[in-house]
């Protein structure tokens, strides 16, 4: 797998995560951030630990209504979750430069 393909896959994962959060924000604006994220965890298979770390890192109140988040906050949340999620996933041996 070349770098451009890998970059597109990573960007697509982030875009999917952002789209799922945006959909939750528009479809259920009164739902809590925690509840919305639990739906996203189920839909996309996001690591719950990554979500927990992101909420702590950004100091987002999980009880806050998802509809109260500004677009920039939603993007920042999605990007941070994506980073922690990507870091939690093991790197396949065939894409590692250290493999024999």
Protein backbone atom coordinates (compact mmCIF):
# COMPACT_ATOMS: atom_id res chain seq x y z
CA UNK A 1 0.00 0.00 0.00
CA UNK A 2 1.50 3.34 -0.99
CA UNK A 3 1.41 6.52 1.10
CA UNK A 4 -1.26 8.31 -0.94
CA UNK A 5 -3.67 5.37 -0.55
CA UNK A 6 -2.99 5.22 3.17
CA UNK A 7 -3.49 8.98 3.49
CA UNK A 8 -6.85 8.75 1.65
CA UNK A 9 -7.98 5.90 3.92
CA UNK A 10 -7.06 7.86 7.06
CA UNK A 11 -8.82 10.97 5.75
CA UNK A 12 -11.88 8.90 4.82
CA UNK A 13 -12.04 7.51 8.37
CA UNK A 14 -11.94 11.03 9.80
CA UNK A 15 -14.58 12.24 7.34
CA UNK A 16 -16.84 9.30 8.22
CA UNK A 17 -16.47 10.03 11.91
CA UNK A 18 -17.19 13.74 11.41
CA UNK A 19 -20.20 12.92 9.23
CA UNK A 20 -21.60 10.51 11.84
CA UNK A 21 -21.25 13.17 14.56
CA UNK A 22 -22.81 15.81 12.30
CA UNK A 23 -25.73 13.50 11.54
CA UNK A 24 -26.28 12.89 15.27
CA UNK A 25 -26.13 16.64 15.86
CA UNK A 26 -28.82 17.33 13.26
CA UNK A 27 -31.05 14.32 13.91
CA UNK A 28 -30.98 14.40 17.72
CA UNK A 29 -29.77 17.86 18.84
CA UNK A 30 -31.03 17.42 22.41
CA UNK A 31 -29.18 14.15 22.91
CA UNK A 32 -26.12 14.26 25.19
CA UNK A 33 -22.63 14.13 23.72
CA UNK A 34 -22.06 10.84 25.57
CA UNK A 35 -25.19 9.26 24.08
CA UNK A 36 -24.33 10.47 20.57
CA UNK A 37 -20.81 9.10 20.91
CA UNK A 38 -22.16 5.74 22.04
CA UNK A 39 -24.18 5.58 18.80
CA UNK A 40 -21.06 6.45 16.80
CA UNK A 41 -19.08 3.75 18.64
CA UNK A 42 -21.73 1.22 17.60
CA UNK A 43 -22.02 2.44 14.00
CA UNK A 44 -18.34 2.83 13.14
CA UNK A 45 -16.68 0.53 15.64
CA UNK A 46 -14.72 3.38 17.21
CA UNK A 47 -12.62 2.39 20.21
CA UNK A 48 -14.48 3.47 23.38
CA UNK A 49 -11.15 4.21 25.07
CA UNK A 50 -10.30 6.69 22.28
CA UNK A 51 -13.63 8.45 22.85
CA UNK A 52 -13.04 8.59 26.61
CA UNK A 53 -9.51 9.97 26.15
CA UNK A 54 -10.73 12.58 23.67
CA UNK A 55 -13.46 13.84 25.98
CA UNK A 56 -10.91 14.21 28.77
CA UNK A 57 -8.27 15.78 26.55
CA UNK A 58 -10.68 18.39 25.17
CA UNK A 59 -12.52 18.79 28.49
CA UNK A 60 -15.89 18.31 26.80
CA UNK A 61 -18.82 17.80 29.17
CA UNK A 62 -20.34 14.44 28.14
CA UNK A 63 -23.71 15.57 29.53
CA UNK A 64 -23.83 18.59 27.23
CA UNK A 65 -26.31 18.49 24.37
CA UNK A 66 -24.67 17.54 21.06
CA UNK A 67 -26.66 20.31 19.38
CA UNK A 68 -24.89 22.91 21.54
CA UNK A 69 -21.47 22.13 20.05
CA UNK A 70 -20.22 24.54 17.42
CA UNK A 71 -18.98 23.14 14.11
CA UNK A 72 -15.36 23.80 15.08
CA UNK A 73 -15.85 21.92 18.37
CA UNK A 74 -17.43 19.01 16.53
CA UNK A 75 -14.52 18.90 14.07
CA UNK A 76 -11.99 19.09 16.88
CA UNK A 77 -13.76 16.26 18.72
CA UNK A 78 -13.84 14.10 15.59
CA UNK A 79 -10.18 14.76 14.81
CA UNK A 80 -9.07 14.01 18.37
CA UNK A 81 -11.11 10.80 18.55
CA UNK A 82 -9.66 9.78 15.21
CA UNK A 83 -6.08 10.39 16.42
CA UNK A 84 -6.54 8.40 19.63
CA UNK A 85 -8.39 5.68 17.71
CA UNK A 86 -5.64 5.41 15.11
CA UNK A 87 -2.98 5.29 17.81
CA UNK A 88 -4.84 2.45 19.57
CA UNK A 89 -4.96 0.26 16.44
CA UNK A 90 -1.98 -2.06 15.93
CA UNK A 91 0.05 -1.51 12.76
CA UNK A 92 -0.22 -4.51 10.39
CA UNK A 93 3.12 -6.28 9.91
CA UNK A 94 3.02 -6.00 6.11
CA UNK A 95 2.86 -2.19 6.25
CA UNK A 96 5.59 -1.84 8.86
CA UNK A 97 9.04 -0.80 7.67
CA UNK A 98 10.65 -2.83 10.45
CA UNK A 99 9.29 -6.21 9.38
CA UNK A 100 11.76 -8.62 7.73
